[in-house]
Amino acid sequence: MFLQYLSSDPIFYLRVVTILIISISLHELGHGIAAIFQGDDTPVIKGHMTMNPLVHMGIHSIFFLLLAGIAWGQMPVNPSKFRHPKWGSILVSAAGPLTNIALGMLAMLVINLSLYFDWNKIVSLEFFYIIARFNFVLCLFNLIPIPPLDGYHVASEIIPEMKALGRSKIGLALFMILFISGIGGELFSLADIIVRALII
């Protein structure tokens, strides 16, 4: 279990927890900024335009993160206020994963600069590697087109027939199967491939 790292490798444990809390909060803020850009003031009214992780994740999500390395977040939006309902929904849904891509790419930039200029003594490559790896995993996971993930909301706007999946028990069942399928290992493998490909 993830909690075991607290005793076996506390530095890694604290790094992962810190990175995930910040990355998930920024992911949700990405949704909020996109929603505001689309004319929806719900994120502001609900007080979610903040870096406070308790607002975005809640105590239960943070508890599961500390215990099992699993966490989630939320950003309240009102699609009926979007200037362009269809494309606005796609933009707002995609903004979270795009934020994770940006964070991952920024970490890779630091890694490449550190390798090029030999900054290893002043920059922790492992820390930025964890940032890149976990943010690419967050992006890949959220792009899976199963409710309630962002990928589903994007796909259901492009293929309206998929919206029924979000209202049925099948969608919930698929999400549960996704969790117990061990897909996390595959996503980390894909993230490692991306990281290696981006090292210049």
N, C-alpha and C. Protein backbone atom coordinates (compact mmCIF):
# COMPACT_ATOMS: atom_id res chain seq x y z
N MET A 1 0.84 -1.19 0.00
CA MET A 1 0.00 0.00 0.00
C MET A 1 0.88 1.25 0.00
N PHE A 2 0.36 2.32 -0.61
CA PHE A 2 1.12 3.56 -0.75
C PHE A 2 1.64 4.07 0.59
N LEU A 3 0.86 3.91 1.65
CA LEU A 3 1.24 4.41 2.97
C LEU A 3 2.56 3.82 3.46
N GLN A 4 2.91 2.64 2.96
CA GLN A 4 4.15 1.99 3.38
C GLN A 4 5.38 2.83 3.04
N TYR A 5 5.27 3.64 1.98
CA TYR A 5 6.39 4.50 1.59
C TYR A 5 6.74 5.51 2.68
N LEU A 6 5.76 5.81 3.56
CA LEU A 6 6.02 6.78 4.62
C LEU A 6 7.14 6.31 5.54
N SER A 7 7.25 4.98 5.72
CA SER A 7 8.32 4.44 6.56
C SER A 7 9.52 3.97 5.74
N SER A 8 9.25 3.40 4.54
CA SER A 8 10.36 2.86 3.74
C SER A 8 11.09 3.94 2.93
N ASP A 9 10.36 4.96 2.47
CA ASP A 9 10.97 6.03 1.68
C ASP A 9 10.17 7.32 1.90
N PRO A 10 10.30 7.93 3.09
CA PRO A 10 9.48 9.09 3.44
C PRO A 10 9.64 10.28 2.50
N ILE A 11 10.84 10.47 1.95
CA ILE A 11 11.06 11.60 1.04
C ILE A 11 10.22 11.42 -0.22
N PHE A 12 10.23 10.19 -0.78
CA PHE A 12 9.42 9.90 -1.96
C PHE A 12 7.95 10.08 -1.64
N TYR A 13 7.51 9.58 -0.49
CA TYR A 13 6.11 9.68 -0.07
C TYR A 13 5.67 11.14 -0.01
N LEU A 14 6.45 11.98 0.66
CA LEU A 14 6.10 13.39 0.81
C LEU A 14 6.14 14.12 -0.53
N ARG A 15 7.09 13.74 -1.39
CA ARG A 15 7.15 14.36 -2.71
C ARG A 15 5.91 14.04 -3.52
N VAL A 16 5.52 12.78 -3.53
CA VAL A 16 4.35 12.37 -4.32
C VAL A 16 3.09 13.04 -3.79
N VAL A 17 2.91 13.04 -2.48
CA VAL A 17 1.72 13.66 -1.88
C VAL A 17 1.67 15.15 -2.23
N THR A 18 2.79 15.84 -2.07
CA THR A 18 2.84 17.27 -2.37
C THR A 18 2.56 17.54 -3.84
N ILE A 19 3.20 16.77 -4.71
CA ILE A 19 3.04 16.96 -6.15
C ILE A 19 1.60 16.69 -6.58
N LEU A 20 0.99 15.63 -6.06
CA LEU A 20 -0.38 15.30 -6.45
C LEU A 20 -1.37 16.35 -5.94
N ILE A 21 -1.18 16.83 -4.72
CA ILE A 21 -2.08 17.85 -4.19
C ILE A 21 -2.02 19.11 -5.05
N ILE A 22 -0.81 19.55 -5.38
CA ILE A 22 -0.65 20.75 -6.20
C ILE A 22 -1.16 20.51 -7.62
N SER A 23 -0.83 19.35 -8.20
CA SER A 23 -1.22 19.06 -9.59
C SER A 23 -2.73 18.92 -9.73
N ILE A 24 -3.38 18.26 -8.78
CA ILE A 24 -4.84 18.12 -8.84
C ILE A 24 -5.51 19.47 -8.65
N SER A 25 -4.99 20.29 -7.74
CA SER A 25 -5.55 21.62 -7.53
C SER A 25 -5.42 22.47 -8.80
N LEU A 26 -4.26 22.42 -9.45
CA LEU A 26 -4.07 23.17 -10.70
C LEU A 26 -4.93 22.60 -11.82
N HIS A 27 -5.10 21.29 -11.84
CA HIS A 27 -5.99 20.64 -12.82
C HIS A 27 -7.39 21.22 -12.70
N GLU A 28 -7.89 21.31 -11.47
CA GLU A 28 -9.23 21.84 -11.26
C GLU A 28 -9.30 23.33 -11.58
N LEU A 29 -8.25 24.06 -11.25
CA LEU A 29 -8.22 25.48 -11.59
C LEU A 29 -8.22 25.67 -13.11
N GLY A 30 -7.61 24.73 -13.82
CA GLY A 30 -7.65 24.77 -15.28
C GLY A 30 -9.08 24.71 -15.79
N HIS A 31 -9.87 23.81 -15.21
CA HIS A 31 -11.30 23.75 -15.55
C HIS A 31 -11.98 25.08 -15.24
N GLY A 32 -11.67 25.62 -14.05
CA GLY A 32 -12.32 26.86 -13.62
C GLY A 32 -12.00 28.04 -14.50
N ILE A 33 -10.73 28.18 -14.87
CA ILE A 33 -10.32 29.29 -15.74
C ILE A 33 -11.00 29.18 -17.09
N ALA A 34 -11.07 27.96 -17.63
CA ALA A 34 -11.73 27.76 -18.93
C ALA A 34 -13.21 28.08 -18.84
N ALA A 35 -13.84 27.71 -17.72
CA ALA A 35 -15.27 27.99 -17.53
C ALA A 35 -15.51 29.50 -17.47
N ILE A 36 -14.66 30.21 -16.73
CA ILE A 36 -14.79 31.67 -16.64
C ILE A 36 -14.59 32.29 -18.02
N PHE A 37 -13.63 31.78 -18.78
CA PHE A 37 -13.39 32.25 -20.14
C PHE A 37 -14.63 32.07 -21.01
N GLN A 38 -15.42 31.04 -20.70
CA GLN A 38 -16.64 30.76 -21.44
C GLN A 38 -17.85 31.53 -20.90
N GLY A 39 -17.62 32.38 -19.90
CA GLY A 39 -18.70 33.20 -19.38
C GLY A 39 -19.40 32.65 -18.16
N ASP A 40 -18.89 31.57 -17.60
CA ASP A 40 -19.50 30.94 -16.43
C ASP A 40 -18.79 31.43 -15.16
N ASP A 41 -19.53 32.13 -14.29
CA ASP A 41 -18.94 32.64 -13.06
C ASP A 41 -19.13 31.70 -11.87
N THR A 42 -19.65 30.50 -12.13
CA THR A 42 -19.89 29.54 -11.05
C THR A 42 -18.65 29.24 -10.21
N PRO A 43 -17.47 29.01 -10.83
CA PRO A 43 -16.28 28.73 -10.01
C PRO A 43 -15.96 29.85 -9.03
N VAL A 44 -16.22 31.10 -9.43
CA VAL A 44 -15.96 32.24 -8.55
C VAL A 44 -17.01 32.30 -7.45
N ILE A 45 -18.28 32.15 -7.83
CA ILE A 45 -19.38 32.22 -6.86
C ILE A 45 -19.23 31.14 -5.79
N LYS A 46 -18.80 29.95 -6.21
CA LYS A 46 -18.66 28.82 -5.28
C LYS A 46 -17.35 28.87 -4.49
N GLY A 47 -16.51 29.86 -4.77
CA GLY A 47 -15.26 30.01 -4.03
C GLY A 47 -14.19 29.00 -4.38
N HIS A 48 -14.22 28.50 -5.62
CA HIS A 48 -13.26 27.47 -6.02
C HIS A 48 -12.04 28.00 -6.77
N MET A 49 -11.97 29.31 -6.98
CA MET A 49 -10.80 29.86 -7.66
C MET A 49 -9.72 30.16 -6.63
N THR A 50 -9.20 29.11 -6.05
CA THR A 50 -8.20 29.19 -4.99
C THR A 50 -7.25 28.00 -5.12
N MET A 51 -6.07 28.12 -4.51
CA MET A 51 -5.13 27.00 -4.49
C MET A 51 -5.32 26.13 -3.26
N ASN A 52 -6.34 26.42 -2.46
CA ASN A 52 -6.61 25.63 -1.26
C ASN A 52 -7.04 24.22 -1.65
N PRO A 53 -6.22 23.19 -1.38
CA PRO A 53 -6.57 21.82 -1.80
C PRO A 53 -7.82 21.28 -1.13
N LEU A 54 -8.15 21.77 0.06
CA LEU A 54 -9.36 21.31 0.73
C LEU A 54 -10.60 21.71 -0.05
N VAL A 55 -10.53 22.83 -0.75
CA VAL A 55 -11.65 23.29 -1.56
C VAL A 55 -11.81 22.39 -2.78
N HIS A 56 -10.71 22.06 -3.43
CA HIS A 56 -10.77 21.28 -4.67
C HIS A 56 -10.92 19.78 -4.42
N MET A 57 -10.28 19.28 -3.39
CA MET A 57 -10.22 17.83 -3.17
C MET A 57 -11.13 17.36 -2.04
N GLY A 58 -11.24 18.14 -1.01
CA GLY A 58 -12.03 17.72 0.14
C GLY A 58 -11.22 16.79 1.05
N ILE A 59 -11.67 16.65 2.27
CA ILE A 59 -10.94 15.87 3.26
C ILE A 59 -10.88 14.39 2.90
N HIS A 60 -11.95 13.85 2.28
CA HIS A 60 -11.97 12.43 1.94
C HIS A 60 -10.93 12.10 0.87
N SER A 61 -10.82 12.95 -0.14
CA SER A 61 -9.85 12.73 -1.21
C SER A 61 -8.42 12.80 -0.66
N ILE A 62 -8.16 13.78 0.20
CA ILE A 62 -6.82 13.91 0.78
C ILE A 62 -6.51 12.72 1.67
N PHE A 63 -7.51 12.23 2.40
CA PHE A 63 -7.32 11.04 3.25
C PHE A 63 -6.93 9.83 2.40
N PHE A 64 -7.66 9.61 1.30
CA PHE A 64 -7.34 8.47 0.44
C PHE A 64 -5.99 8.65 -0.24
N LEU A 65 -5.62 9.90 -0.52
CA LEU A 65 -4.30 10.16 -1.10
C LEU A 65 -3.21 9.75 -0.12
N LEU A 66 -3.33 10.16 1.13
CA LEU A 66 -2.33 9.83 2.15
C LEU A 66 -2.27 8.34 2.41
N LEU A 67 -3.41 7.67 2.32
CA LEU A 67 -3.48 6.25 2.63
C LEU A 67 -3.11 5.36 1.45
N ALA A 68 -3.69 5.65 0.29
CA ALA A 68 -3.58 4.74 -0.85
C ALA A 68 -3.00 5.36 -2.11
N GLY A 69 -2.70 6.66 -2.08
CA GLY A 69 -2.17 7.30 -3.28
C GLY A 69 -3.22 7.56 -4.33
N ILE A 70 -4.50 7.51 -3.93
CA ILE A 70 -5.62 7.75 -4.85
C ILE A 70 -6.32 9.04 -4.43
N ALA A 71 -6.57 9.92 -5.39
CA ALA A 71 -7.21 11.19 -5.06
C ALA A 71 -8.04 11.69 -6.24
N TRP A 72 -8.89 12.64 -5.95
CA TRP A 72 -9.74 13.23 -6.99
C TRP A 72 -10.04 14.67 -6.60
N GLY A 73 -10.60 15.41 -7.53
CA GLY A 73 -10.96 16.79 -7.26
C GLY A 73 -12.23 17.15 -8.00
N GLN A 74 -12.71 18.37 -7.77
CA GLN A 74 -13.91 18.81 -8.46
C GLN A 74 -13.89 20.32 -8.64
N MET A 75 -14.50 20.76 -9.72
CA MET A 75 -14.66 22.18 -10.00
C MET A 75 -16.10 22.40 -10.46
N PRO A 76 -16.90 23.11 -9.67
CA PRO A 76 -18.30 23.34 -10.05
C PRO A 76 -18.39 24.28 -11.25
N VAL A 77 -19.09 23.85 -12.28
CA VAL A 77 -19.32 24.69 -13.45
C VAL A 77 -20.78 24.55 -13.86
N ASN A 78 -21.26 25.51 -14.64
CA ASN A 78 -22.63 25.48 -15.13
C ASN A 78 -22.61 25.63 -16.65
N PRO A 79 -22.66 24.51 -17.38
CA PRO A 79 -22.57 24.56 -18.85
C PRO A 79 -23.62 25.44 -19.50
N SER A 80 -24.76 25.66 -18.82
CA SER A 80 -25.81 26.49 -19.42
C SER A 80 -25.37 27.95 -19.54
N LYS A 81 -24.31 28.32 -18.84
CA LYS A 81 -23.79 29.69 -18.92
C LYS A 81 -22.68 29.84 -19.96
N PHE A 82 -22.24 28.73 -20.54
CA PHE A 82 -21.15 28.81 -21.52
C PHE A 82 -21.60 29.59 -22.75
N ARG A 83 -20.71 30.39 -23.30
CA ARG A 83 -21.02 31.14 -24.53
C ARG A 83 -21.32 30.19 -25.68
N HIS A 84 -20.57 29.11 -25.75
CA HIS A 84 -20.78 28.10 -26.79
C HIS A 84 -20.95 26.76 -26.08
N PRO A 85 -22.19 26.32 -25.85
CA PRO A 85 -22.45 25.12 -25.03
C PRO A 85 -21.63 23.90 -25.41
N LYS A 86 -21.60 23.54 -26.70
CA LYS A 86 -20.89 22.33 -27.11
C LYS A 86 -19.39 22.50 -27.00
N TRP A 87 -18.84 23.48 -27.71
CA TRP A 87 -17.39 23.67 -27.72
C TRP A 87 -16.89 24.19 -26.39
N GLY A 88 -17.75 24.90 -25.67
CA GLY A 88 -17.38 25.35 -24.34
C GLY A 88 -17.20 24.18 -23.40
N SER A 89 -18.10 23.20 -23.49
CA SER A 89 -18.00 22.01 -22.66
C SER A 89 -16.74 21.21 -22.98
N ILE A 90 -16.42 21.14 -24.27
CA ILE A 90 -15.20 20.43 -24.68
C ILE A 90 -13.97 21.16 -24.14
N LEU A 91 -13.96 22.48 -24.28
CA LEU A 91 -12.82 23.28 -23.80
C LEU A 91 -12.63 23.14 -22.30
N VAL A 92 -13.73 23.28 -21.55
CA VAL A 92 -13.65 23.22 -20.09
C VAL A 92 -13.21 21.83 -19.63
N SER A 93 -13.74 20.79 -20.26
CA SER A 93 -13.38 19.42 -19.89
C SER A 93 -11.92 19.12 -20.21
N ALA A 94 -11.46 19.63 -21.35
CA ALA A 94 -10.08 19.35 -21.78
C ALA A 94 -9.06 20.19 -21.02
N ALA A 95 -9.50 21.27 -20.40
CA ALA A 95 -8.56 22.19 -19.75
C ALA A 95 -7.79 21.54 -18.61
N GLY A 96 -8.44 20.63 -17.89
CA GLY A 96 -7.75 19.95 -16.78
C GLY A 96 -6.58 19.10 -17.26
N PRO A 97 -6.83 18.14 -18.17
CA PRO A 97 -5.73 17.34 -18.71
C PRO A 97 -4.66 18.18 -19.40
N LEU A 98 -5.07 19.25 -20.09
CA LEU A 98 -4.09 20.12 -20.74
C LEU A 98 -3.20 20.81 -19.71
N THR A 99 -3.77 21.13 -18.55
CA THR A 99 -2.98 21.70 -17.47
C THR A 99 -1.92 20.71 -17.00
N ASN A 100 -2.31 19.43 -16.89
CA ASN A 100 -1.35 18.40 -16.49
C ASN A 100 -0.25 18.23 -17.54
N ILE A 101 -0.61 18.32 -18.82
CA ILE A 101 0.40 18.25 -19.87
C ILE A 101 1.39 19.41 -19.72
N ALA A 102 0.85 20.60 -19.47
CA ALA A 102 1.71 21.78 -19.32
C ALA A 102 2.67 21.62 -18.14
N LEU A 103 2.16 21.09 -17.02
CA LEU A 103 3.02 20.87 -15.85
C LEU A 103 4.09 19.83 -16.15
N GLY A 104 3.69 18.76 -16.85
CA GLY A 104 4.65 17.72 -17.22
C GLY A 104 5.72 18.25 -18.15
N MET A 105 5.31 19.05 -19.13
CA MET A 105 6.27 19.62 -20.08
C MET A 105 7.21 20.61 -19.40
N LEU A 106 6.68 21.38 -18.44
CA LEU A 106 7.52 22.32 -17.70
C LEU A 106 8.58 21.57 -16.90
N ALA A 107 8.17 20.46 -16.28
CA ALA A 107 9.13 19.64 -15.52
C ALA A 107 10.19 19.05 -16.45
N MET A 108 9.77 18.62 -17.65
CA MET A 108 10.73 18.07 -18.60
C MET A 108 11.70 19.14 -19.09
N LEU A 109 11.23 20.38 -19.21
CA LEU A 109 12.11 21.48 -19.60
C LEU A 109 13.20 21.67 -18.55
N VAL A 110 12.81 21.64 -17.27
CA VAL A 110 13.78 21.78 -16.19
C VAL A 110 14.78 20.62 -16.22
N ILE A 111 14.29 19.41 -16.45
CA ILE A 111 15.17 18.23 -16.51
C ILE A 111 16.18 18.38 -17.64
N ASN A 112 15.71 18.76 -18.82
CA ASN A 112 16.62 18.89 -19.97
C ASN A 112 17.64 20.01 -19.77
N LEU A 113 17.19 21.13 -19.19
CA LEU A 113 18.13 22.21 -18.92
C LEU A 113 19.16 21.78 -17.88
N SER A 114 18.71 21.02 -16.88
CA SER A 114 19.63 20.54 -15.84
C SER A 114 20.67 19.60 -16.41
N LEU A 115 20.24 18.73 -17.31
CA LEU A 115 21.18 17.79 -17.94
C LEU A 115 22.16 18.52 -18.85
N TYR A 116 21.65 19.52 -19.58
CA TYR A 116 22.50 20.25 -20.53
C TYR A 116 23.53 21.12 -19.82
N PHE A 117 23.08 21.81 -18.77
CA PHE A 117 23.98 22.73 -18.06
C PHE A 117 24.62 22.11 -16.83
N ASP A 118 24.37 20.82 -16.63
CA ASP A 118 24.95 20.10 -15.50
C ASP A 118 24.57 20.75 -14.16
N TRP A 119 23.25 20.92 -13.99
CA TRP A 119 22.74 21.53 -12.75
C TRP A 119 22.39 20.47 -11.70
N ASN A 120 22.86 19.26 -11.88
CA ASN A 120 22.46 18.15 -11.01
C ASN A 120 22.67 18.43 -9.53
N LYS A 121 23.67 19.26 -9.21
CA LYS A 121 23.97 19.51 -7.80
C LYS A 121 22.99 20.49 -7.16
N ILE A 122 22.31 21.28 -7.99
CA ILE A 122 21.38 22.26 -7.44
C ILE A 122 19.92 21.96 -7.78
N VAL A 123 19.69 21.04 -8.70
CA VAL A 123 18.33 20.68 -9.09
C VAL A 123 18.13 19.18 -8.87
N SER A 124 17.05 18.83 -8.18
CA SER A 124 16.73 17.42 -7.95
C SER A 124 16.01 16.87 -9.18
N LEU A 125 16.75 16.12 -10.00
CA LEU A 125 16.15 15.54 -11.20
C LEU A 125 15.03 14.58 -10.84
N GLU A 126 15.19 13.85 -9.73
CA GLU A 126 14.17 12.90 -9.32
C GLU A 126 12.85 13.61 -9.01
N PHE A 127 12.93 14.76 -8.36
CA PHE A 127 11.73 15.52 -8.01
C PHE A 127 10.98 15.94 -9.26
N PHE A 128 11.70 16.47 -10.25
CA PHE A 128 11.04 16.92 -11.47
C PHE A 128 10.60 15.73 -12.34
N TYR A 129 11.31 14.62 -12.21
CA TYR A 129 10.88 13.40 -12.90
C TYR A 129 9.54 12.94 -12.35
N ILE A 130 9.37 13.00 -11.04
CA ILE A 130 8.10 12.62 -10.42
C ILE A 130 6.98 13.56 -10.87
N ILE A 131 7.29 14.86 -10.93
CA ILE A 131 6.30 15.83 -11.41
C ILE A 131 5.84 15.47 -12.82
N ALA A 132 6.80 15.23 -13.71
CA ALA A 132 6.47 14.90 -15.10
C ALA A 132 5.69 13.60 -15.18
N ARG A 133 6.20 12.58 -14.53
CA ARG A 133 5.59 11.25 -14.61
C ARG A 133 4.15 11.26 -14.11
N PHE A 134 3.92 11.82 -12.94
CA PHE A 134 2.59 11.80 -12.35
C PHE A 134 1.61 12.70 -13.10
N ASN A 135 2.10 13.81 -13.64
CA ASN A 135 1.19 14.67 -14.40
C ASN A 135 0.80 14.05 -15.73
N PHE A 136 1.72 13.34 -16.37
CA PHE A 136 1.36 12.64 -17.60
C PHE A 136 0.36 11.52 -17.29
N VAL A 137 0.53 10.85 -16.15
CA VAL A 137 -0.42 9.81 -15.75
C VAL A 137 -1.79 10.43 -15.48
N LEU A 138 -1.84 11.56 -14.78
CA LEU A 138 -3.11 12.24 -14.51
C LEU A 138 -3.81 12.61 -15.81
N CYS A 139 -3.03 13.09 -16.78
CA CYS A 139 -3.60 13.45 -18.08
C CYS A 139 -4.16 12.23 -18.78
N LEU A 140 -3.36 11.17 -18.88
CA LEU A 140 -3.79 9.96 -19.58
C LEU A 140 -5.02 9.35 -18.92
N PHE A 141 -5.03 9.30 -17.59
CA PHE A 141 -6.17 8.72 -16.88
C PHE A 141 -7.44 9.52 -17.13
N ASN A 142 -7.33 10.84 -17.03
CA ASN A 142 -8.52 11.68 -17.19
C ASN A 142 -9.04 11.71 -18.62
N LEU A 143 -8.22 11.32 -19.58
CA LEU A 143 -8.67 11.30 -20.98
C LEU A 143 -9.40 10.02 -21.35
N ILE A 144 -9.45 9.05 -20.44
CA ILE A 144 -10.21 7.82 -20.71
C ILE A 144 -11.69 8.18 -20.82
N PRO A 145 -12.37 7.79 -21.90
CA PRO A 145 -13.76 8.21 -22.12
C PRO A 145 -14.80 7.40 -21.34
N ILE A 146 -14.64 7.39 -20.03
CA ILE A 146 -15.58 6.71 -19.13
C ILE A 146 -16.04 7.72 -18.08
N PRO A 147 -17.35 7.84 -17.83
CA PRO A 147 -17.81 8.79 -16.82
C PRO A 147 -17.30 8.40 -15.44
N PRO A 148 -16.93 9.37 -14.61
CA PRO A 148 -17.11 10.83 -14.77
C PRO A 148 -15.84 11.54 -15.24
N LEU A 149 -14.96 10.86 -15.93
CA LEU A 149 -13.67 11.44 -16.31
C LEU A 149 -13.82 12.48 -17.42
N ASP A 150 -12.83 13.35 -17.53
CA ASP A 150 -12.88 14.44 -18.51
C ASP A 150 -12.98 13.91 -19.94
N GLY A 151 -12.31 12.81 -20.21
CA GLY A 151 -12.36 12.24 -21.55
C GLY A 151 -13.77 11.87 -21.96
N TYR A 152 -14.58 11.43 -21.00
CA TYR A 152 -15.98 11.10 -21.30
C TYR A 152 -16.74 12.35 -21.68
N HIS A 153 -16.53 13.44 -20.94
CA HIS A 153 -17.27 14.68 -21.22
C HIS A 153 -16.90 15.25 -22.59
N VAL A 154 -15.63 15.12 -22.96
CA VAL A 154 -15.21 15.55 -24.30
C VAL A 154 -15.85 14.66 -25.36
N ALA A 155 -15.74 13.35 -25.17
CA ALA A 155 -16.26 12.39 -26.15
C ALA A 155 -17.78 12.49 -26.29
N SER A 156 -18.48 12.72 -25.17
CA SER A 156 -19.95 12.76 -25.22
C SER A 156 -20.46 14.01 -25.93
N GLU A 157 -19.64 15.06 -25.99
CA GLU A 157 -20.04 16.24 -26.76
C GLU A 157 -19.83 16.00 -28.25
N ILE A 158 -18.81 15.21 -28.58
CA ILE A 158 -18.54 14.89 -29.98
C ILE A 158 -19.48 13.80 -30.47
N ILE A 159 -19.76 12.83 -29.59
CA ILE A 159 -20.68 11.73 -29.91
C ILE A 159 -21.83 11.77 -28.90
N PRO A 160 -22.90 12.53 -29.17
CA PRO A 160 -23.99 12.73 -28.21
C PRO A 160 -24.61 11.44 -27.67
N GLU A 161 -24.55 10.36 -28.46
CA GLU A 161 -25.13 9.09 -28.01
C GLU A 161 -24.45 8.58 -26.73
N MET A 162 -23.23 9.03 -26.48
CA MET A 162 -22.50 8.58 -25.30
C MET A 162 -23.03 9.19 -24.01
N LYS A 163 -23.83 10.25 -24.11
CA LYS A 163 -24.33 10.91 -22.90
C LYS A 163 -25.19 9.98 -22.06
N ALA A 164 -25.85 9.03 -22.72
CA ALA A 164 -26.67 8.07 -21.98
C ALA A 164 -25.83 7.23 -21.03
N LEU A 165 -24.55 7.06 -21.37
CA LEU A 165 -23.65 6.26 -20.53
C LEU A 165 -23.46 6.90 -19.16
N GLY A 166 -23.46 8.23 -19.13
CA GLY A 166 -23.27 8.94 -17.88
C GLY A 166 -24.47 8.85 -16.96
N ARG A 167 -25.63 8.52 -17.53
CA ARG A 167 -26.86 8.43 -16.73
C ARG A 167 -27.20 7.00 -16.36
N SER A 168 -26.44 6.04 -16.86
CA SER A 168 -26.75 4.64 -16.61
C SER A 168 -25.80 4.02 -15.60
N LYS A 169 -26.21 2.88 -15.07
CA LYS A 169 -25.36 2.15 -14.12
C LYS A 169 -24.15 1.53 -14.82
N ILE A 170 -24.26 1.39 -16.14
CA ILE A 170 -23.14 0.82 -16.91
C ILE A 170 -21.91 1.71 -16.78
N GLY A 171 -22.12 3.03 -16.83
CA GLY A 171 -21.00 3.95 -16.71
C GLY A 171 -20.29 3.79 -15.38
N LEU A 172 -21.06 3.67 -14.29
CA LEU A 172 -20.47 3.47 -12.97
C LEU A 172 -19.73 2.15 -12.91
N ALA A 173 -20.33 1.11 -13.51
CA ALA A 173 -19.70 -0.22 -13.51
C ALA A 173 -18.37 -0.18 -14.27
N LEU A 174 -18.36 0.51 -15.40
CA LEU A 174 -17.13 0.62 -16.19
C LEU A 174 -16.04 1.34 -15.40
N PHE A 175 -16.45 2.37 -14.65
CA PHE A 175 -15.48 3.12 -13.85
C PHE A 175 -14.90 2.24 -12.74
N MET A 176 -15.74 1.43 -12.12
CA MET A 176 -15.26 0.52 -11.06
C MET A 176 -14.32 -0.53 -11.64
N ILE A 177 -14.68 -1.06 -12.82
CA ILE A 177 -13.82 -2.04 -13.48
C ILE A 177 -12.47 -1.41 -13.82
N LEU A 178 -12.52 -0.15 -14.24
CA LEU A 178 -11.29 0.57 -14.58
C LEU A 178 -10.36 0.65 -13.37
N PHE A 179 -10.94 0.87 -12.19
CA PHE A 179 -10.14 1.00 -10.98
C PHE A 179 -9.48 -0.30 -10.57
N ILE A 180 -10.19 -1.42 -10.76
CA ILE A 180 -9.64 -2.70 -10.31
C ILE A 180 -8.89 -3.44 -11.42
N SER A 181 -8.80 -2.82 -12.58
CA SER A 181 -8.18 -3.49 -13.73
C SER A 181 -6.66 -3.45 -13.70
N GLY A 182 -6.10 -2.64 -12.82
CA GLY A 182 -4.65 -2.50 -12.81
C GLY A 182 -4.13 -1.61 -13.92
N ILE A 183 -5.01 -0.76 -14.45
CA ILE A 183 -4.61 0.10 -15.56
C ILE A 183 -3.56 1.12 -15.14
N GLY A 184 -3.47 1.38 -13.83
CA GLY A 184 -2.49 2.34 -13.35
C GLY A 184 -1.08 2.00 -13.78
N GLY A 185 -0.74 0.71 -13.72
CA GLY A 185 0.59 0.27 -14.13
C GLY A 185 0.85 0.56 -15.59
N GLU A 186 -0.17 0.35 -16.43
CA GLU A 186 -0.04 0.62 -17.86
C GLU A 186 0.13 2.12 -18.11
N LEU A 187 -0.60 2.92 -17.36
CA LEU A 187 -0.50 4.37 -17.53
C LEU A 187 0.88 4.89 -17.13
N PHE A 188 1.43 4.32 -16.06
CA PHE A 188 2.78 4.73 -15.65
C PHE A 188 3.81 4.29 -16.68
N SER A 189 3.59 3.13 -17.30
CA SER A 189 4.50 2.68 -18.36
C SER A 189 4.46 3.63 -19.55
N LEU A 190 3.24 4.07 -19.92
CA LEU A 190 3.10 5.03 -21.01
C LEU A 190 3.75 6.36 -20.65
N ALA A 191 3.56 6.78 -19.39
CA ALA A 191 4.17 8.03 -18.94
C ALA A 191 5.69 7.96 -19.01
N ASP A 192 6.25 6.80 -18.66
CA ASP A 192 7.70 6.62 -18.74
C ASP A 192 8.20 6.72 -20.18
N ILE A 193 7.41 6.17 -21.11
CA ILE A 193 7.77 6.26 -22.53
C ILE A 193 7.78 7.73 -22.97
N ILE A 194 6.76 8.48 -22.53
CA ILE A 194 6.68 9.91 -22.88
C ILE A 194 7.87 10.67 -22.31
N VAL A 195 8.19 10.39 -21.04
CA VAL A 195 9.32 11.07 -20.39
C VAL A 195 10.62 10.79 -21.13
N ARG A 196 10.86 9.53 -21.45
CA ARG A 196 12.10 9.17 -22.16
C ARG A 196 12.16 9.83 -23.54
N ALA A 197 11.01 9.92 -24.20
CA ALA A 197 10.97 10.53 -25.53
C ALA A 197 11.25 12.03 -25.48
N LEU A 198 10.96 12.65 -24.34
CA LEU A 198 11.13 14.10 -24.22
C LEU A 198 12.49 14.51 -23.68
N ILE A 199 13.32 13.51 -23.32
CA ILE A 199 14.68 13.84 -22.88
C ILE A 199 15.55 14.05 -24.11
N ILE A 200 16.06 15.25 -24.27
CA ILE A 200 16.83 15.60 -25.46
C ILE A 200 18.29 15.21 -25.28
